[in-house]
């Protein structure tokens, strides 16, 4: 463990203190858990995507909702399914196409997961209400 000193707004301290009291946990433990939840694990992620995932922390809720609602284009999705079904019999060009599509799908999924994680940390109740209304 490393000890650090943080300057936090009164409202953040109040919210964290309230959560700590409700969970019967020390304030420091609650703040540490929130930081761990807010920061993505980046060890196995390409550097370009690492930067994107970290920068998402500062996006607005609306921008995060846009990312969370992003889907692979219909032609790409269909092509991925088609190539995936024939993965054992693909020509080399088709294998490259499949790898590119899988990589794109994986990156899209990571961005969506990060967006949902940040939204749920920021305001889980509001996110759940919006999802239920959709």
Protein backbone atom coordinates (compact mmCIF):
# COMPACT_ATOMS: atom_id res chain seq x y z
CA UNK A 1 0.00 0.00 0.00
CA UNK A 2 1.06 3.56 -0.70
CA UNK A 3 -0.24 6.52 1.26
CA UNK A 4 -1.08 9.72 -0.62
CA UNK A 5 -2.77 13.00 0.22
CA UNK A 6 -5.72 14.15 -1.89
CA UNK A 7 -7.61 17.42 -2.00
CA UNK A 8 -11.30 16.62 -2.46
CA UNK A 9 -14.33 18.85 -2.61
CA UNK A 10 -16.60 18.93 0.42
CA UNK A 11 -19.42 17.34 -1.58
CA UNK A 12 -17.25 14.39 -2.63
CA UNK A 13 -16.12 13.86 0.95
CA UNK A 14 -19.74 14.06 2.17
CA UNK A 15 -20.90 11.53 -0.44
CA UNK A 16 -18.04 9.14 0.28
CA UNK A 17 -18.54 9.51 4.03
CA UNK A 18 -22.25 8.77 3.68
CA UNK A 19 -21.47 5.67 1.61
CA UNK A 20 -18.87 4.57 4.15
CA UNK A 21 -21.33 4.91 7.03
CA UNK A 22 -24.05 3.02 5.14
CA UNK A 23 -21.64 0.20 4.30
CA UNK A 24 -20.01 0.21 7.75
CA UNK A 25 -16.59 0.64 6.16
CA UNK A 26 -13.76 3.12 6.70
CA UNK A 27 -13.88 6.19 4.46
CA UNK A 28 -10.40 5.40 3.12
CA UNK A 29 -11.55 1.93 2.04
CA UNK A 30 -14.56 3.35 0.19
CA UNK A 31 -12.44 5.93 -1.63
CA UNK A 32 -9.84 3.29 -2.57
CA UNK A 33 -12.57 0.99 -3.90
CA UNK A 34 -14.05 3.82 -5.98
CA UNK A 35 -10.67 4.61 -7.51
CA UNK A 36 -10.07 0.95 -8.33
CA UNK A 37 -13.49 0.74 -9.98
CA UNK A 38 -13.01 3.96 -11.94
CA UNK A 39 -9.58 3.08 -13.33
CA UNK A 40 -9.57 0.36 -15.98
CA UNK A 41 -7.08 -2.52 -15.95
CA UNK A 42 -4.83 -1.79 -18.92
CA UNK A 43 -2.18 -4.52 -18.91
CA UNK A 44 -3.42 -6.45 -21.96
CA UNK A 45 -4.78 -3.50 -23.93
CA UNK A 46 -2.98 -1.85 -26.88
CA UNK A 47 -1.51 1.58 -25.99
CA UNK A 48 -3.82 3.49 -28.36
CA UNK A 49 -6.89 1.96 -26.75
CA UNK A 50 -5.45 2.47 -23.24
CA UNK A 51 -5.40 6.21 -23.87
CA UNK A 52 -8.98 6.20 -25.19
CA UNK A 53 -10.27 4.24 -22.19
CA UNK A 54 -8.59 6.56 -19.69
CA UNK A 55 -9.74 9.71 -21.51
CA UNK A 56 -13.34 8.47 -21.32
CA UNK A 57 -13.21 9.31 -17.60
CA UNK A 58 -13.65 13.00 -18.48
CA UNK A 59 -16.47 12.58 -21.02
CA UNK A 60 -19.97 13.81 -20.27
CA UNK A 61 -22.75 11.38 -19.43
CA UNK A 62 -24.27 12.06 -22.85
CA UNK A 63 -21.04 11.20 -24.65
CA UNK A 64 -20.71 8.03 -22.59
CA UNK A 65 -24.31 7.07 -23.41
CA UNK A 66 -23.49 7.53 -27.10
CA UNK A 67 -20.50 5.19 -26.77
CA UNK A 68 -22.54 2.69 -24.74
CA UNK A 69 -25.14 2.63 -27.52
CA UNK A 70 -22.64 2.13 -30.33
CA UNK A 71 -22.97 -1.04 -32.36
CA UNK A 72 -20.89 -2.61 -35.08
CA UNK A 73 -22.21 -1.68 -38.51
CA UNK A 74 -24.62 -4.20 -40.00
CA UNK A 75 -22.32 -5.09 -42.93
CA UNK A 76 -19.36 -5.61 -40.56
CA UNK A 77 -21.46 -7.67 -38.16
CA UNK A 78 -22.76 -9.88 -40.96
CA UNK A 79 -19.27 -10.30 -42.41
CA UNK A 80 -17.88 -11.21 -38.99
CA UNK A 81 -20.58 -13.86 -38.55
CA UNK A 82 -20.04 -15.23 -42.04
CA UNK A 83 -16.27 -15.45 -41.69
CA UNK A 84 -16.53 -16.81 -38.16
CA UNK A 85 -18.71 -19.69 -39.34
CA UNK A 86 -16.15 -20.60 -41.99
CA UNK A 87 -13.04 -19.86 -39.89
CA UNK A 88 -11.41 -23.23 -40.61
CA UNK A 89 -11.64 -22.88 -44.38
CA UNK A 90 -10.76 -19.23 -45.01
CA UNK A 91 -8.29 -17.99 -47.59
CA UNK A 92 -5.46 -15.85 -46.19
CA UNK A 93 -7.15 -12.56 -47.18
CA UNK A 94 -10.38 -13.66 -45.49
CA UNK A 95 -8.40 -14.65 -42.37
CA UNK A 96 -6.94 -11.14 -42.24
CA UNK A 97 -10.43 -9.68 -42.67
CA UNK A 98 -11.70 -11.86 -39.83
CA UNK A 99 -8.86 -10.76 -37.53
CA UNK A 100 -9.50 -7.08 -38.32
CA UNK A 101 -13.23 -7.50 -37.64
CA UNK A 102 -12.56 -9.39 -34.40
CA UNK A 103 -10.17 -6.67 -33.27
CA UNK A 104 -12.72 -3.97 -34.13
CA UNK A 105 -15.43 -5.87 -32.25
CA UNK A 106 -13.18 -6.31 -29.22
CA UNK A 107 -12.25 -2.62 -29.12
CA UNK A 108 -15.90 -1.62 -29.50
CA UNK A 109 -16.86 -3.95 -26.66
CA UNK A 110 -14.14 -2.56 -24.37
CA UNK A 111 -15.23 1.02 -25.05
CA UNK A 112 -18.88 0.13 -24.39
CA UNK A 113 -18.01 -1.70 -21.18
CA UNK A 114 -15.93 1.25 -19.97
CA UNK A 115 -18.77 3.67 -20.79
CA UNK A 116 -21.29 1.57 -18.85
CA UNK A 117 -18.88 1.20 -15.93
CA UNK A 118 -18.32 4.95 -15.71
CA UNK A 119 -22.02 5.70 -16.02
CA UNK A 120 -22.89 3.23 -13.30
CA UNK A 121 -20.25 4.67 -10.99
CA UNK A 122 -21.48 8.21 -11.63
CA UNK A 123 -25.15 7.54 -11.19
CA UNK A 124 -26.27 3.95 -11.20
CA UNK A 125 -29.86 4.75 -10.33
CA UNK A 126 -30.31 7.15 -13.24
CA UNK A 127 -28.74 4.65 -15.66
CA UNK A 128 -31.05 1.89 -14.47
CA UNK A 129 -34.12 4.13 -14.85
CA UNK A 130 -33.10 5.05 -18.42
CA UNK A 131 -32.47 1.42 -19.34
CA UNK A 132 -35.86 0.38 -17.92
CA UNK A 133 -37.62 3.10 -19.91
CA UNK A 134 -35.96 2.10 -23.20
